[in-house]
Each structure stands twice: as C-alpha cells, then as structure tokens.
Amino acid sequence: MFKLIATALLALLSAAAFAAVDVNKASQGELEAVKGIGPGMSTKIVAARKSGPFANWGDLQSRVKGVGHGNATKFSADGLTVNGASYAAAAPASKAPAKPAAKATGPKPAQNKSATPAGK
C-alpha cells in the first residue's frame, strides 16, 4: 500500500515538474524540452537572460528574436511560462485604419419655414 501511494505521489510530482518551465529559471536543456524550442532558440533565450530576467511575455518577445505572438502562444500551450504566467495575449489589433473623428461644425443652417408648398 505504501509503495502504491509513493508511486502515485512521485508520478504527480513528475507531471507537475514537466507541466511548467519558467523561462527565467530553466536551463538550456529544460528550455529545449518545450516543444518548438530547439538549440538555436534556447541559446538566444539564455543569452538574453544574461542581461537580466524577463519581466513578462512582452519583454521576452522584444528581447528574443523569433518569439512573436504565434510562437509565444505555442510555447505557452506547451508549458513555457514567464515568471509563472502563461501567455494570454489580447486579440491582434485590426489592420483597418481608424475612422477620423466627426468634424465639429457651426450651428445648423436654419430651415426656411416660411416657404409654402407650390399651389397653395
């Protein structure tokens, strides 16, 4: 019975260890264990981390070439975190230009109420 409980506990701890890899704490090998991060990307991450830990996902994206919205979404889904946070980016902004604000105009011209319809 004790072995069964110990095995179950060990399995849960192992699963939890593989579930999240924090970009600020992970070794190069641990980073490469995340699907989509190879030796090249992990080297870039470790090199950028030498100048200081990443504050958030935006910081990681700005400092590591190749980590954009798409890759951040994939890496996060596969267990990568930044300071324990997963990537939850807002929907990309629309590329359509914003409508200009309505121009303020002076008072509306008075309607001619004295005019009578023809034939009266």
Protein backbone atom coordinates (compact mmCIF):
# COMPACT_ATOMS: atom_id res chain seq x y z
CA MET A 1 0.00 0.00 0.00
CA PHE A 2 2.83 2.40 0.90
CA LYS A 3 4.58 1.72 -2.43
CA LEU A 4 1.38 2.49 -4.32
CA ILE A 5 0.94 5.84 -2.56
CA ALA A 6 4.62 6.72 -3.00
CA THR A 7 4.47 5.82 -6.71
CA ALA A 8 1.33 7.89 -7.23
CA LEU A 9 2.86 10.86 -5.42
CA LEU A 10 6.06 10.60 -7.44
CA ALA A 11 4.05 10.45 -10.67
CA LEU A 12 2.11 13.59 -9.73
CA LEU A 13 5.27 15.48 -8.83
CA SER A 14 6.92 14.42 -12.09
CA ALA A 15 3.93 15.56 -14.11
CA ALA A 16 3.92 18.90 -12.31
CA ALA A 17 7.62 19.36 -12.97
CA PHE A 18 7.15 18.86 -16.71
CA ALA A 19 3.97 20.93 -16.88
CA ALA A 20 5.60 24.33 -16.48
CA VAL A 21 9.03 25.54 -17.48
CA ASP A 22 9.80 29.09 -16.37
CA VAL A 23 11.95 30.92 -18.90
CA ASN A 24 13.85 32.75 -16.13
CA LYS A 25 14.79 29.60 -14.20
CA ALA A 26 15.14 26.86 -16.82
CA SER A 27 18.44 25.51 -18.07
CA GLN A 28 19.11 25.34 -21.78
CA GLY A 29 18.18 21.65 -21.74
CA GLU A 30 14.90 22.33 -19.93
CA LEU A 31 14.04 25.03 -22.47
CA GLU A 32 14.72 22.60 -25.32
CA ALA A 33 12.29 20.14 -23.71
CA VAL A 34 9.48 22.57 -24.61
CA LYS A 35 8.04 21.62 -28.00
CA GLY A 36 9.20 24.09 -30.64
CA ILE A 37 12.26 25.36 -28.76
CA GLY A 38 15.43 23.98 -30.27
CA PRO A 39 19.10 24.64 -29.58
CA GLY A 40 19.10 27.91 -31.52
CA MET A 41 16.11 29.41 -29.72
CA SER A 42 17.24 28.20 -26.29
CA THR A 43 20.68 29.74 -26.88
CA LYS A 44 19.04 33.09 -27.74
CA ILE A 45 16.87 32.94 -24.62
CA VAL A 46 19.78 32.10 -22.30
CA ALA A 47 21.94 34.83 -23.86
CA ALA A 48 19.20 37.46 -23.50
CA ARG A 49 18.57 36.36 -19.92
CA LYS A 50 22.18 37.21 -19.00
CA SER A 51 21.27 40.91 -19.12
CA GLY A 52 18.51 40.32 -16.59
CA PRO A 53 15.40 38.21 -16.04
CA PHE A 54 12.42 38.64 -18.33
CA ALA A 55 9.73 40.77 -16.69
CA ASN A 56 6.85 39.39 -18.76
CA TRP A 57 5.98 37.90 -22.14
CA GLY A 58 6.29 41.27 -23.87
CA ASP A 59 9.82 41.62 -22.53
CA LEU A 60 10.69 38.13 -23.80
CA GLN A 61 9.24 38.94 -27.22
CA SER A 62 11.13 42.21 -27.50
CA ARG A 63 14.50 40.76 -26.43
CA VAL A 64 14.49 37.39 -28.21
CA LYS A 65 14.23 37.43 -32.00
CA GLY A 66 11.85 34.74 -33.18
CA VAL A 67 9.46 34.87 -30.23
CA GLY A 68 6.42 36.63 -31.61
CA HIS A 69 2.71 36.25 -30.96
CA GLY A 70 2.47 32.88 -32.74
CA ASN A 71 5.48 31.26 -31.09
CA ALA A 72 4.60 32.69 -27.68
CA THR A 73 1.14 31.14 -27.98
CA LYS A 74 2.61 27.75 -28.94
CA PHE A 75 5.35 27.80 -26.29
CA SER A 76 2.88 28.75 -23.58
CA ALA A 77 0.48 25.98 -24.61
CA ASP A 78 3.38 23.54 -24.31
CA GLY A 79 4.24 24.66 -20.76
CA LEU A 80 6.56 27.68 -21.02
CA THR A 81 5.90 30.49 -18.53
CA VAL A 82 7.44 33.86 -17.75
CA ASN A 83 7.52 34.46 -14.00
CA GLY A 84 4.90 31.74 -13.65
CA ALA A 85 2.49 33.39 -16.09
CA SER A 86 1.26 31.81 -19.30
CA TYR A 87 0.88 33.83 -22.47
CA ALA A 88 -2.55 35.37 -22.70
CA ALA A 89 -2.27 38.00 -25.40
CA ALA A 90 -5.16 40.13 -26.49
CA ALA A 91 -6.50 39.57 -29.97
CA PRO A 92 -4.32 41.24 -32.57
CA ALA A 93 -5.44 44.75 -33.40
CA SER A 94 -7.36 45.26 -36.61
CA LYS A 95 -5.27 46.47 -39.52
CA ALA A 96 -8.11 48.69 -40.78
CA PRO A 97 -7.44 52.40 -40.33
CA ALA A 98 -9.44 54.09 -37.62
CA LYS A 99 -12.27 56.35 -38.72
CA PRO A 100 -11.48 60.03 -38.27
CA ALA A 101 -13.47 61.85 -35.62
CA ALA A 102 -16.51 63.74 -36.87
CA LYS A 103 -15.72 67.34 -37.59
CA ALA A 104 -17.44 69.85 -35.40
CA THR A 105 -19.48 72.25 -37.45
CA GLY A 106 -21.12 75.50 -36.55
CA PRO A 107 -24.81 75.83 -35.93
CA LYS A 108 -27.05 74.11 -38.41
CA PRO A 109 -28.41 76.40 -41.09
CA ALA A 110 -31.93 77.49 -40.33
CA GLN A 111 -34.56 75.79 -42.40
CA ASN A 112 -36.75 78.03 -44.44
CA LYS A 113 -40.11 77.55 -42.73
CA SER A 114 -41.75 80.49 -44.47
CA ALA A 115 -41.74 78.79 -47.81
CA THR A 116 -45.11 77.43 -48.76
CA PRO A 117 -45.65 74.48 -50.95
CA ALA A 118 -46.45 75.27 -54.53
CA GLY A 119 -50.12 75.57 -55.34
CA LYS A 120 -51.37 76.84 -52.00
